[in-house]
């Protein structure tokens, strides 16, 4: 038997599935956990902890009462300082463009330059002992998109693991965690890789994998048409404009949702071959799909990925 639920949250449609009967209480508990973290970490919720941090930029440090959330922010800043294409301080750029919203627009070059001056992760002060975060310049804005969903997937996975779930799927808008046994009853999954030309309709490849986090980032996820031109939501933290790349999507296969989430941003930004090398350097795997539908996989997937296009 299977127990499943679908719900909207984190700006996406989500599905939680346990391959067992009577798991409704666990799924409800999982949704409550997801909603609680979403409320804390949303860039657009005026009552969120993240909004409070951003409002206090240049004024005073903000105490983070939940230790895992402080640790998440610290990891986001650490990744940002590596300069690989992920930057949690990209909030001012994201707010300028508003990609995916009705008021999306192309900012002026002057606006982009001013916003970029507020994205230096070295301007963030973290106090681990007191669990405080301080954005030292007014106008700075922390944006945990590209890491928060992966973090939340990991929190739900830990809950399921403690509960003894033998098989199931956590799917938060493309950030997925394969849990234990597949529906077939064995810990080996046949997982479809979305064709970016027809998202949600067909796959471009099928991956055979043990239970892992599987995180996909693509230009089809969120975009806006402005003055007749399409702009996707993946913004370059160095230029302040949408990433210019041959990539259409990247799927990272990792041991945790958080690592998969961050590496999907880094891999997409860097493309082939730099993104390929960055993923392998972290000991994880990935599938890269270019806009002209060429498929590349890291070395550990050469025997387990079957291209089906």
C-alpha atoms as a PDB file:
ATOM      1  CA  UNK A   1       0.000   0.000   0.000  1.00  0.00           C
ATOM      2  CA  UNK A   2       1.020   3.615  -0.526  1.00  0.00           C
ATOM      3  CA  UNK A   3       0.206   6.768   1.421  1.00  0.00           C
ATOM      4  CA  UNK A   4       0.720  10.009  -0.461  1.00  0.00           C
ATOM      5  CA  UNK A   5      -0.162  13.679  -0.182  1.00  0.00           C
ATOM      6  CA  UNK A   6       0.312  16.698  -2.416  1.00  0.00           C
ATOM      7  CA  UNK A   7       0.360  20.314  -1.296  1.00  0.00           C
ATOM      8  CA  UNK A   8       1.572  23.742  -2.373  1.00  0.00           C
ATOM      9  CA  UNK A   9       4.360  25.435  -0.471  1.00  0.00           C
ATOM     10  CA  UNK A  10       7.840  26.898  -0.915  1.00  0.00           C
ATOM     11  CA  UNK A  11       6.546  28.415  -4.144  1.00  0.00           C
ATOM     12  CA  UNK A  12       5.990  25.009  -5.751  1.00  0.00           C
ATOM     13  CA  UNK A  13       3.811  21.911  -5.876  1.00  0.00           C
ATOM     14  CA  UNK A  14       5.134  19.207  -3.552  1.00  0.00           C
ATOM     15  CA  UNK A  15       4.518  15.500  -3.030  1.00  0.00           C
ATOM     16  CA  UNK A  16       5.289  13.249  -0.081  1.00  0.00           C
ATOM     17  CA  UNK A  17       4.912   9.482  -0.552  1.00  0.00           C
ATOM     18  CA  UNK A  18       5.462   6.616   1.869  1.00  0.00           C
ATOM     19  CA  UNK A  19       5.301   3.083   0.504  1.00  0.00           C
ATOM     20  CA  UNK A  20       3.221   1.852   3.411  1.00  0.00           C
ATOM     21  CA  UNK A  21      -0.356   2.120   4.579  1.00  0.00           C
ATOM     22  CA  UNK A  22      -1.462   4.414   7.393  1.00  0.00           C
ATOM     23  CA  UNK A  23       1.316   7.004   7.232  1.00  0.00           C
ATOM     24  CA  UNK A  24      -1.067   9.982   7.262  1.00  0.00           C
ATOM     25  CA  UNK A  25       0.037  11.214  10.681  1.00  0.00           C
ATOM     26  CA  UNK A  26       3.699  11.198   9.611  1.00  0.00           C
ATOM     27  CA  UNK A  27       2.879  13.052   6.391  1.00  0.00           C
ATOM     28  CA  UNK A  28       0.880  15.681   8.293  1.00  0.00           C
ATOM     29  CA  UNK A  29       3.774  16.098  10.704  1.00  0.00           C
ATOM     30  CA  UNK A  30       6.133  16.458   7.730  1.00  0.00           C
ATOM     31  CA  UNK A  31       3.975  19.152   6.134  1.00  0.00           C
ATOM     32  CA  UNK A  32       3.862  21.057   9.415  1.00  0.00           C
ATOM     33  CA  UNK A  33       7.663  20.911   9.594  1.00  0.00           C
ATOM     34  CA  UNK A  34       8.011  22.091   5.995  1.00  0.00           C
ATOM     35  CA  UNK A  35       5.602  24.994   6.534  1.00  0.00           C
ATOM     36  CA  UNK A  36       7.407  26.031   9.717  1.00  0.00           C
ATOM     37  CA  UNK A  37      10.779  26.177   7.978  1.00  0.00           C
ATOM     38  CA  UNK A  38       9.235  27.911   4.957  1.00  0.00           C
ATOM     39  CA  UNK A  39       7.864  30.600   7.249  1.00  0.00           C
ATOM     40  CA  UNK A  40      11.278  31.126   8.833  1.00  0.00           C
ATOM     41  CA  UNK A  41      13.269  31.159   5.593  1.00  0.00           C
ATOM     42  CA  UNK A  42      11.061  32.927   3.031  1.00  0.00           C
ATOM     43  CA  UNK A  43      12.443  35.998   1.270  1.00  0.00           C
ATOM     44  CA  UNK A  44       8.900  37.185   0.534  1.00  0.00           C
ATOM     45  CA  UNK A  45       7.130  36.548   3.860  1.00  0.00           C
ATOM     46  CA  UNK A  46       7.094  39.861   5.748  1.00  0.00           C
ATOM     47  CA  UNK A  47       6.947  37.982   9.067  1.00  0.00           C
ATOM     48  CA  UNK A  48       9.803  35.558   8.328  1.00  0.00           C
ATOM     49  CA  UNK A  49      13.079  35.359  10.204  1.00  0.00           C
ATOM     50  CA  UNK A  50      14.902  35.987   6.930  1.00  0.00           C
ATOM     51  CA  UNK A  51      12.944  39.198   6.390  1.00  0.00           C
ATOM     52  CA  UNK A  52      13.867  40.338   9.900  1.00  0.00           C
ATOM     53  CA  UNK A  53      17.550  39.700   9.186  1.00  0.00           C
ATOM     54  CA  UNK A  54      17.295  41.741   5.984  1.00  0.00           C
ATOM     55  CA  UNK A  55      15.372  44.587   7.629  1.00  0.00           C
ATOM     56  CA  UNK A  56      18.087  44.881  10.266  1.00  0.00           C
ATOM     57  CA  UNK A  57      20.863  45.134   7.657  1.00  0.00           C
ATOM     58  CA  UNK A  58      23.240  47.897   8.693  1.00  0.00           C
ATOM     59  CA  UNK A  59      21.460  48.270  12.030  1.00  0.00           C
ATOM     60  CA  UNK A  60      22.061  45.359  14.406  1.00  0.00           C
ATOM     61  CA  UNK A  61      22.639  41.582  14.607  1.00  0.00           C
ATOM     62  CA  UNK A  62      19.617  39.281  14.684  1.00  0.00           C
ATOM     63  CA  UNK A  63      19.417  36.316  17.052  1.00  0.00           C
ATOM     64  CA  UNK A  64      18.559  33.029  15.330  1.00  0.00           C
ATOM     65  CA  UNK A  65      16.649  30.953  17.924  1.00  0.00           C
ATOM     66  CA  UNK A  66      16.729  27.704  15.940  1.00  0.00           C
ATOM     67  CA  UNK A  67      20.245  26.228  15.848  1.00  0.00           C
ATOM     68  CA  UNK A  68      19.754  24.245  12.585  1.00  0.00           C
ATOM     69  CA  UNK A  69      18.678  27.481  10.872  1.00  0.00           C
ATOM     70  CA  UNK A  70      21.777  29.307  12.115  1.00  0.00           C
ATOM     71  CA  UNK A  71      23.904  26.404  10.867  1.00  0.00           C
ATOM     72  CA  UNK A  72      22.138  26.591   7.489  1.00  0.00           C
ATOM     73  CA  UNK A  73      22.927  30.309   7.177  1.00  0.00           C
ATOM     74  CA  UNK A  74      26.541  29.675   8.160  1.00  0.00           C
ATOM     75  CA  UNK A  75      26.847  26.988   5.481  1.00  0.00           C
ATOM     76  CA  UNK A  76      25.255  29.293   2.905  1.00  0.00           C
ATOM     77  CA  UNK A  77      27.785  32.027   3.692  1.00  0.00           C
ATOM     78  CA  UNK A  78      30.677  29.556   3.589  1.00  0.00           C
ATOM     79  CA  UNK A  79      29.631  28.301   0.155  1.00  0.00           C
ATOM     80  CA  UNK A  80      29.180  31.896  -1.035  1.00  0.00           C
ATOM     81  CA  UNK A  81      32.737  32.798  -0.064  1.00  0.00           C
ATOM     82  CA  UNK A  82      34.080  30.061  -2.337  1.00  0.00           C
ATOM     83  CA  UNK A  83      33.086  32.090  -5.412  1.00  0.00           C
ATOM     84  CA  UNK A  84      31.860  29.115  -7.426  1.00  0.00           C
ATOM     85  CA  UNK A  85      28.615  30.682  -8.667  1.00  0.00           C
ATOM     86  CA  UNK A  86      26.424  30.348  -5.581  1.00  0.00           C
ATOM     87  CA  UNK A  87      25.921  33.481  -3.474  1.00  0.00           C
ATOM     88  CA  UNK A  88      23.363  33.702  -0.663  1.00  0.00           C
ATOM     89  CA  UNK A  89      23.745  37.514  -0.663  1.00  0.00           C
ATOM     90  CA  UNK A  90      22.139  37.803  -4.102  1.00  0.00           C
ATOM     91  CA  UNK A  91      18.895  39.044  -2.532  1.00  0.00           C
ATOM     92  CA  UNK A  92      19.209  42.656  -3.804  1.00  0.00           C
ATOM     93  CA  UNK A  93      19.586  41.330  -7.374  1.00  0.00           C
ATOM     94  CA  UNK A  94      16.643  38.928  -7.010  1.00  0.00           C
ATOM     95  CA  UNK A  95      14.428  41.725  -5.712  1.00  0.00           C
ATOM     96  CA  UNK A  96      15.426  43.944  -8.637  1.00  0.00           C
ATOM     97  CA  UNK A  97      14.382  41.476 -11.311  1.00  0.00           C
ATOM     98  CA  UNK A  98      11.354  39.834  -9.627  1.00  0.00           C
ATOM     99  CA  UNK A  99      11.495  36.983 -12.163  1.00  0.00           C
ATOM    100  CA  UNK A 100       8.389  34.821 -11.952  1.00  0.00           C
ATOM    101  CA  UNK A 101       6.228  37.619 -10.536  1.00  0.00           C
ATOM    102  CA  UNK A 102       3.755  39.886 -12.320  1.00  0.00           C
ATOM    103  CA  UNK A 103       5.937  42.944 -11.759  1.00  0.00           C
ATOM    104  CA  UNK A 104       9.117  41.415 -13.248  1.00  0.00           C
ATOM    105  CA  UNK A 105      11.194  43.957 -15.156  1.00  0.00           C
ATOM    106  CA  UNK A 106      14.685  44.531 -16.524  1.00  0.00           C
ATOM    107  CA  UNK A 107      16.579  46.818 -14.128  1.00  0.00           C
ATOM    108  CA  UNK A 108      18.856  49.579 -15.315  1.00  0.00           C
ATOM    109  CA  UNK A 109      22.604  49.066 -15.442  1.00  0.00           C
ATOM    110  CA  UNK A 110      22.958  51.581 -12.602  1.00  0.00           C
ATOM    111  CA  UNK A 111      20.522  49.629 -10.438  1.00  0.00           C
ATOM    112  CA  UNK A 112      22.391  46.379 -11.084  1.00  0.00           C
ATOM    113  CA  UNK A 113      25.747  47.955 -10.228  1.00  0.00           C
ATOM    114  CA  UNK A 114      24.383  49.367  -6.973  1.00  0.00           C
ATOM    115  CA  UNK A 115      22.834  46.027  -6.014  1.00  0.00           C
ATOM    116  CA  UNK A 116      26.014  44.084  -6.792  1.00  0.00           C
ATOM    117  CA  UNK A 117      27.887  46.248  -4.261  1.00  0.00           C
ATOM    118  CA  UNK A 118      25.661  44.716  -1.567  1.00  0.00           C
ATOM    119  CA  UNK A 119      26.366  41.057  -2.373  1.00  0.00           C
ATOM    120  CA  UNK A 120      29.778  40.521  -0.792  1.00  0.00           C
ATOM    121  CA  UNK A 121      29.529  37.574   1.656  1.00  0.00           C
ATOM    122  CA  UNK A 122      32.523  38.942   3.573  1.00  0.00           C
ATOM    123  CA  UNK A 123      30.210  41.715   4.783  1.00  0.00           C
ATOM    124  CA  UNK A 124      28.231  39.207   6.887  1.00  0.00           C
ATOM    125  CA  UNK A 125      29.125  38.787  10.550  1.00  0.00           C
ATOM    126  CA  UNK A 126      28.236  35.471  12.193  1.00  0.00           C
ATOM    127  CA  UNK A 127      28.450  34.849  15.939  1.00  0.00           C
ATOM    128  CA  UNK A 128      28.191  31.098  16.498  1.00  0.00           C
ATOM    129  CA  UNK A 129      28.183  31.315  20.303  1.00  0.00           C
ATOM    130  CA  UNK A 130      25.303  33.790  20.450  1.00  0.00           C
ATOM    131  CA  UNK A 131      23.688  32.536  17.214  1.00  0.00           C
ATOM    132  CA  UNK A 132      23.449  35.957  15.599  1.00  0.00           C
ATOM    133  CA  UNK A 133      23.617  37.100  11.984  1.00  0.00           C
ATOM    134  CA  UNK A 134      24.484  40.666  10.992  1.00  0.00           C
ATOM    135  CA  UNK A 135      24.373  42.078   7.479  1.00  0.00           C
ATOM    136  CA  UNK A 136      26.697  45.034   7.995  1.00  0.00           C
ATOM    137  CA  UNK A 137      25.562  47.333   5.157  1.00  0.00           C
ATOM    138  CA  UNK A 138      22.056  48.789   4.700  1.00  0.00           C
ATOM    139  CA  UNK A 139      20.279  47.279   1.706  1.00  0.00           C
ATOM    140  CA  UNK A 140      21.955  43.877   1.950  1.00  0.00           C
ATOM    141  CA  UNK A 141      19.560  40.915   1.660  1.00  0.00           C
ATOM    142  CA  UNK A 142      20.114  37.267   2.410  1.00  0.00           C
ATOM    143  CA  UNK A 143      18.356  34.912  -0.031  1.00  0.00           C
ATOM    144  CA  UNK A 144      18.469  31.206   0.811  1.00  0.00           C
ATOM    145  CA  UNK A 145      16.972  30.084  -2.475  1.00  0.00           C
ATOM    146  CA  UNK A 146      19.309  27.429  -3.860  1.00  0.00           C
ATOM    147  CA  UNK A 147      19.982  25.900  -0.447  1.00  0.00           C
ATOM    148  CA  UNK A 148      16.860  26.127   1.746  1.00  0.00           C
ATOM    149  CA  UNK A 149      14.775  23.513  -0.068  1.00  0.00           C
ATOM    150  CA  UNK A 150      17.622  21.042   0.112  1.00  0.00           C
ATOM    151  CA  UNK A 151      17.984  21.766   3.821  1.00  0.00           C
ATOM    152  CA  UNK A 152      14.259  21.207   4.401  1.00  0.00           C
ATOM    153  CA  UNK A 153      14.353  17.953   2.414  1.00  0.00           C
ATOM    154  CA  UNK A 154      17.121  16.777   4.757  1.00  0.00           C
ATOM    155  CA  UNK A 155      15.069  17.690   7.831  1.00  0.00           C
ATOM    156  CA  UNK A 156      12.103  15.678   6.570  1.00  0.00           C
ATOM    157  CA  UNK A 157      14.395  12.785   5.667  1.00  0.00           C
ATOM    158  CA  UNK A 158      15.822  12.755   9.200  1.00  0.00           C
ATOM    159  CA  UNK A 159      12.287  12.638  10.597  1.00  0.00           C
ATOM    160  CA  UNK A 160      11.362   9.727   8.350  1.00  0.00           C
ATOM    161  CA  UNK A 161      14.592   7.912   9.147  1.00  0.00           C
ATOM    162  CA  UNK A 162      13.943   8.185  12.891  1.00  0.00           C
ATOM    163  CA  UNK A 163      10.392   6.981  12.344  1.00  0.00           C
ATOM    164  CA  UNK A 164      11.616   3.908  10.479  1.00  0.00           C
ATOM    165  CA  UNK A 165      10.200   4.585   7.021  1.00  0.00           C
ATOM    166  CA  UNK A 166      11.344   1.726   4.795  1.00  0.00           C
ATOM    167  CA  UNK A 167      10.576   3.372   1.477  1.00  0.00           C
ATOM    168  CA  UNK A 168       9.236   6.636   0.143  1.00  0.00           C
ATOM    169  CA  UNK A 169       9.788   9.854  -1.786  1.00  0.00           C
ATOM    170  CA  UNK A 170      10.184  13.438  -0.646  1.00  0.00           C
ATOM    171  CA  UNK A 171       9.620  15.855  -3.542  1.00  0.00           C
ATOM    172  CA  UNK A 172       9.726  19.573  -2.817  1.00  0.00           C
ATOM    173  CA  UNK A 173       9.423  21.248  -6.195  1.00  0.00           C
ATOM    174  CA  UNK A 174      12.265  19.372  -7.889  1.00  0.00           C
ATOM    175  CA  UNK A 175      14.334  18.844  -4.747  1.00  0.00           C
ATOM    176  CA  UNK A 176      13.832  15.148  -4.176  1.00  0.00           C
ATOM    177  CA  UNK A 177      15.023  12.525  -1.728  1.00  0.00           C
ATOM    178  CA  UNK A 178      14.669   8.842  -2.551  1.00  0.00           C
ATOM    179  CA  UNK A 179      14.115   7.119   0.781  1.00  0.00           C
ATOM    180  CA  UNK A 180      14.993   3.466   1.347  1.00  0.00           C
ATOM    181  CA  UNK A 181      13.261   0.993  -0.947  1.00  0.00           C
ATOM    182  CA  UNK A 182      11.612   2.029  -4.190  1.00  0.00           C
ATOM    183  CA  UNK A 183       7.996   1.080  -4.914  1.00  0.00           C
ATOM    184  CA  UNK A 184       9.334  -2.269  -6.197  1.00  0.00           C
ATOM    185  CA  UNK A 185      10.463  -3.089  -2.649  1.00  0.00           C
ATOM    186  CA  UNK A 186      14.218  -2.977  -3.311  1.00  0.00           C
ATOM    187  CA  UNK A 187      16.714  -0.156  -2.580  1.00  0.00           C
ATOM    188  CA  UNK A 188      17.398   0.461  -6.252  1.00  0.00           C
ATOM    189  CA  UNK A 189      15.506   3.216  -8.040  1.00  0.00           C
ATOM    190  CA  UNK A 190      14.765   3.828 -11.705  1.00  0.00           C
ATOM    191  CA  UNK A 191      14.570   7.598 -11.834  1.00  0.00           C
ATOM    192  CA  UNK A 192      13.490   9.681 -14.888  1.00  0.00           C
ATOM    193  CA  UNK A 193      15.538  12.758 -15.803  1.00  0.00           C
ATOM    194  CA  UNK A 194      13.234  15.503 -17.120  1.00  0.00           C
ATOM    195  CA  UNK A 195      13.533  16.548 -20.747  1.00  0.00           C
ATOM    196  CA  UNK A 196      13.888  20.354 -20.450  1.00  0.00           C
ATOM    197  CA  UNK A 197      12.075  20.780 -23.776  1.00  0.00           C
ATOM    198  CA  UNK A 198       8.909  19.233 -22.338  1.00  0.00           C
ATOM    199  CA  UNK A 199       9.122  19.488 -18.531  1.00  0.00           C
ATOM    200  CA  UNK A 200       6.689  17.216 -16.735  1.00  0.00           C
ATOM    201  CA  UNK A 201       5.772  15.296 -19.879  1.00  0.00           C
ATOM    202  CA  UNK A 202       8.663  13.032 -20.770  1.00  0.00           C
ATOM    203  CA  UNK A 203      12.162  12.101 -19.702  1.00  0.00           C
ATOM    204  CA  UNK A 204      15.423  12.491 -21.563  1.00  0.00           C
ATOM    205  CA  UNK A 205      17.211   9.745 -19.603  1.00  0.00           C
ATOM    206  CA  UNK A 206      16.659   7.186 -16.852  1.00  0.00           C
ATOM    207  CA  UNK A 207      18.975   6.861 -13.882  1.00  0.00           C
ATOM    208  CA  UNK A 208      19.455   3.687 -11.870  1.00  0.00           C
ATOM    209  CA  UNK A 209      20.505   4.682  -8.369  1.00  0.00           C
ATOM    210  CA  UNK A 210      20.580   3.707  -4.730  1.00  0.00           C
ATOM    211  CA  UNK A 211      18.561   5.992  -2.395  1.00  0.00           C
ATOM    212  CA  UNK A 212      20.001   9.496  -2.817  1.00  0.00           C
ATOM    213  CA  UNK A 213      19.017  13.141  -2.949  1.00  0.00           C
ATOM    214  CA  UNK A 214      18.199  14.072  -6.566  1.00  0.00           C
ATOM    215  CA  UNK A 215      18.045  17.825  -7.222  1.00  0.00           C
ATOM    216  CA  UNK A 216      17.227  19.393 -10.572  1.00  0.00           C
ATOM    217  CA  UNK A 217      17.714  23.011 -11.614  1.00  0.00           C
ATOM    218  CA  UNK A 218      16.589  24.208 -15.037  1.00  0.00           C
ATOM    219  CA  UNK A 219      15.760  27.308 -17.027  1.00  0.00           C
ATOM    220  CA  UNK A 220      12.176  26.035 -17.434  1.00  0.00           C
ATOM    221  CA  UNK A 221      11.421  26.233 -13.696  1.00  0.00           C
ATOM    222  CA  UNK A 222      10.577  29.929 -13.423  1.00  0.00           C
ATOM    223  CA  UNK A 223      10.801  32.658 -16.008  1.00  0.00           C
ATOM    224  CA  UNK A 224       9.191  35.877 -17.176  1.00  0.00           C
ATOM    225  CA  UNK A 225       8.572  37.435 -20.575  1.00  0.00           C
ATOM    226  CA  UNK A 226       9.572  41.087 -20.553  1.00  0.00           C
ATOM    227  CA  UNK A 227       9.149  43.198 -23.695  1.00  0.00           C
ATOM    228  CA  UNK A 228       8.908  40.046 -25.795  1.00  0.00           C
ATOM    229  CA  UNK A 229      12.038  38.386 -24.399  1.00  0.00           C
ATOM    230  CA  UNK A 230      12.209  35.421 -22.014  1.00  0.00           C
ATOM    231  CA  UNK A 231      14.303  35.758 -18.852  1.00  0.00           C
ATOM    232  CA  UNK A 232      14.934  32.796 -16.542  1.00  0.00           C
ATOM    233  CA  UNK A 233      15.341  33.081 -12.765  1.00  0.00           C
ATOM    234  CA  UNK A 234      18.914  31.796 -12.475  1.00  0.00           C
ATOM    235  CA  UNK A 235      20.866  34.998 -11.868  1.00  0.00           C
ATOM    236  CA  UNK A 236      24.628  35.347 -12.179  1.00  0.00           C
ATOM    237  CA  UNK A 237      25.998  36.700  -8.871  1.00  0.00           C
ATOM    238  CA  UNK A 238      28.938  38.265 -10.710  1.00  0.00           C
ATOM    239  CA  UNK A 239      27.027  40.165 -13.402  1.00  0.00           C
ATOM    240  CA  UNK A 240      23.589  40.662 -11.832  1.00  0.00           C
ATOM    241  CA  UNK A 241      21.890  39.332 -14.982  1.00  0.00           C
ATOM    242  CA  UNK A 242      20.408  35.910 -15.826  1.00  0.00           C
ATOM    243  CA  UNK A 243      23.151  33.333 -16.333  1.00  0.00           C
ATOM    244  CA  UNK A 244      24.238  33.043 -19.945  1.00  0.00           C
ATOM    245  CA  UNK A 245      24.967  29.390 -20.473  1.00  0.00           C
ATOM    246  CA  UNK A 246      24.489  26.519 -22.883  1.00  0.00           C
ATOM    247  CA  UNK A 247      22.862  24.583 -20.035  1.00  0.00           C
ATOM    248  CA  UNK A 248      19.134  23.816 -19.996  1.00  0.00           C
ATOM    249  CA  UNK A 249      19.182  21.776 -16.795  1.00  0.00           C
ATOM    250  CA  UNK A 250      21.362  19.966 -14.313  1.00  0.00           C
ATOM    251  CA  UNK A 251      20.411  17.112 -12.006  1.00  0.00           C
ATOM    252  CA  UNK A 252      22.720  16.480  -9.051  1.00  0.00           C
ATOM    253  CA  UNK A 253      22.751  13.103  -7.303  1.00  0.00           C
ATOM    254  CA  UNK A 254      24.112  13.590  -3.798  1.00  0.00           C
ATOM    255  CA  UNK A 255      24.187  12.222  -0.284  1.00  0.00           C
ATOM    256  CA  UNK A 256      22.207  15.183   1.057  1.00  0.00           C
ATOM    257  CA  UNK A 257      19.575  17.546  -0.283  1.00  0.00           C
ATOM    258  CA  UNK A 258      21.515  20.607   0.846  1.00  0.00           C
ATOM    259  CA  UNK A 259      24.676  19.640  -1.034  1.00  0.00           C
ATOM    260  CA  UNK A 260      22.617  18.679  -4.075  1.00  0.00           C
ATOM    261  CA  UNK A 261      20.814  22.028  -4.007  1.00  0.00           C
ATOM    262  CA  UNK A 262      23.995  24.111  -3.829  1.00  0.00           C
ATOM    263  CA  UNK A 263      25.854  22.038  -6.417  1.00  0.00           C
ATOM    264  CA  UNK A 264      22.950  22.291  -8.854  1.00  0.00           C
ATOM    265  CA  UNK A 265      23.371  26.085  -8.795  1.00  0.00           C
ATOM    266  CA  UNK A 266      27.148  25.870  -9.087  1.00  0.00           C
ATOM    267  CA  UNK A 267      27.036  23.261 -11.847  1.00  0.00           C
ATOM    268  CA  UNK A 268      24.466  25.177 -13.868  1.00  0.00           C
ATOM    269  CA  UNK A 269      26.402  28.419 -13.521  1.00  0.00           C
ATOM    270  CA  UNK A 270      29.723  26.865 -14.549  1.00  0.00           C
ATOM    271  CA  UNK A 271      28.405  24.534 -17.265  1.00  0.00           C
ATOM    272  CA  UNK A 272      30.655  22.042 -19.060  1.00  0.00           C
ATOM    273  CA  UNK A 273      33.456  21.323 -18.215  1.00  0.00           C
ATOM    274  CA  UNK A 274      33.917  23.525 -15.113  1.00  0.00           C
ATOM    275  CA  UNK A 275      30.604  22.534 -13.518  1.00  0.00           C
ATOM    276  CA  UNK A 276      31.370  18.884 -14.168  1.00  0.00           C
ATOM    277  CA  UNK A 277      34.695  19.257 -12.367  1.00  0.00           C
ATOM    278  CA  UNK A 278      33.120  21.176  -9.458  1.00  0.00           C
ATOM    279  CA  UNK A 279      30.568  18.432  -8.813  1.00  0.00           C
ATOM    280  CA  UNK A 280      33.146  15.651  -9.002  1.00  0.00           C
ATOM    281  CA  UNK A 281      35.472  17.585  -6.687  1.00  0.00           C
ATOM    282  CA  UNK A 282      32.774  17.353  -3.999  1.00  0.00           C
ATOM    283  CA  UNK A 283      32.470  13.586  -4.509  1.00  0.00           C
ATOM    284  CA  UNK A 284      28.943  13.833  -5.966  1.00  0.00           C
ATOM    285  CA  UNK A 285      27.418  13.070  -9.371  1.00  0.00           C
ATOM    286  CA  UNK A 286      25.411  15.033 -11.928  1.00  0.00           C
ATOM    287  CA  UNK A 287      23.643  14.908 -15.285  1.00  0.00           C
ATOM    288  CA  UNK A 288      23.999  17.997 -17.492  1.00  0.00           C
ATOM    289  CA  UNK A 289      21.548  18.689 -20.335  1.00  0.00           C
ATOM    290  CA  UNK A 290      22.402  21.451 -22.813  1.00  0.00           C
ATOM    291  CA  UNK A 291      19.927  23.621 -24.685  1.00  0.00           C
ATOM    292  CA  UNK A 292      20.559  21.525 -27.804  1.00  0.00           C
ATOM    293  CA  UNK A 293      19.771  18.398 -25.715  1.00  0.00           C
ATOM    294  CA  UNK A 294      23.238  16.934 -25.403  1.00  0.00           C
ATOM    295  CA  UNK A 295      23.505  14.871 -22.228  1.00  0.00           C
ATOM    296  CA  UNK A 296      26.667  14.635 -20.117  1.00  0.00           C
ATOM    297  CA  UNK A 297      27.099  12.657 -16.924  1.00  0.00           C
ATOM    298  CA  UNK A 298      29.874  12.569 -14.349  1.00  0.00           C
ATOM    299  CA  UNK A 299      32.084   9.504 -14.227  1.00  0.00           C
ATOM    300  CA  UNK A 300      30.178   7.655 -11.509  1.00  0.00           C
ATOM    301  CA  UNK A 301      27.001   7.583 -13.629  1.00  0.00           C
ATOM    302  CA  UNK A 302      28.464   6.265 -16.871  1.00  0.00           C
ATOM    303  CA  UNK A 303      27.182   2.751 -16.248  1.00  0.00           C
ATOM    304  CA  UNK A 304      23.883   3.720 -14.594  1.00  0.00           C
ATOM    305  CA  UNK A 305      22.374   6.405 -16.849  1.00  0.00           C
ATOM    306  CA  UNK A 306      20.431   5.391 -19.944  1.00  0.00           C
ATOM    307  CA  UNK A 307      19.648   8.201 -22.392  1.00  0.00           C
ATOM    308  CA  UNK A 308      16.109   7.683 -23.728  1.00  0.00           C
ATOM    309  CA  UNK A 309      15.528  10.598 -26.095  1.00  0.00           C
END
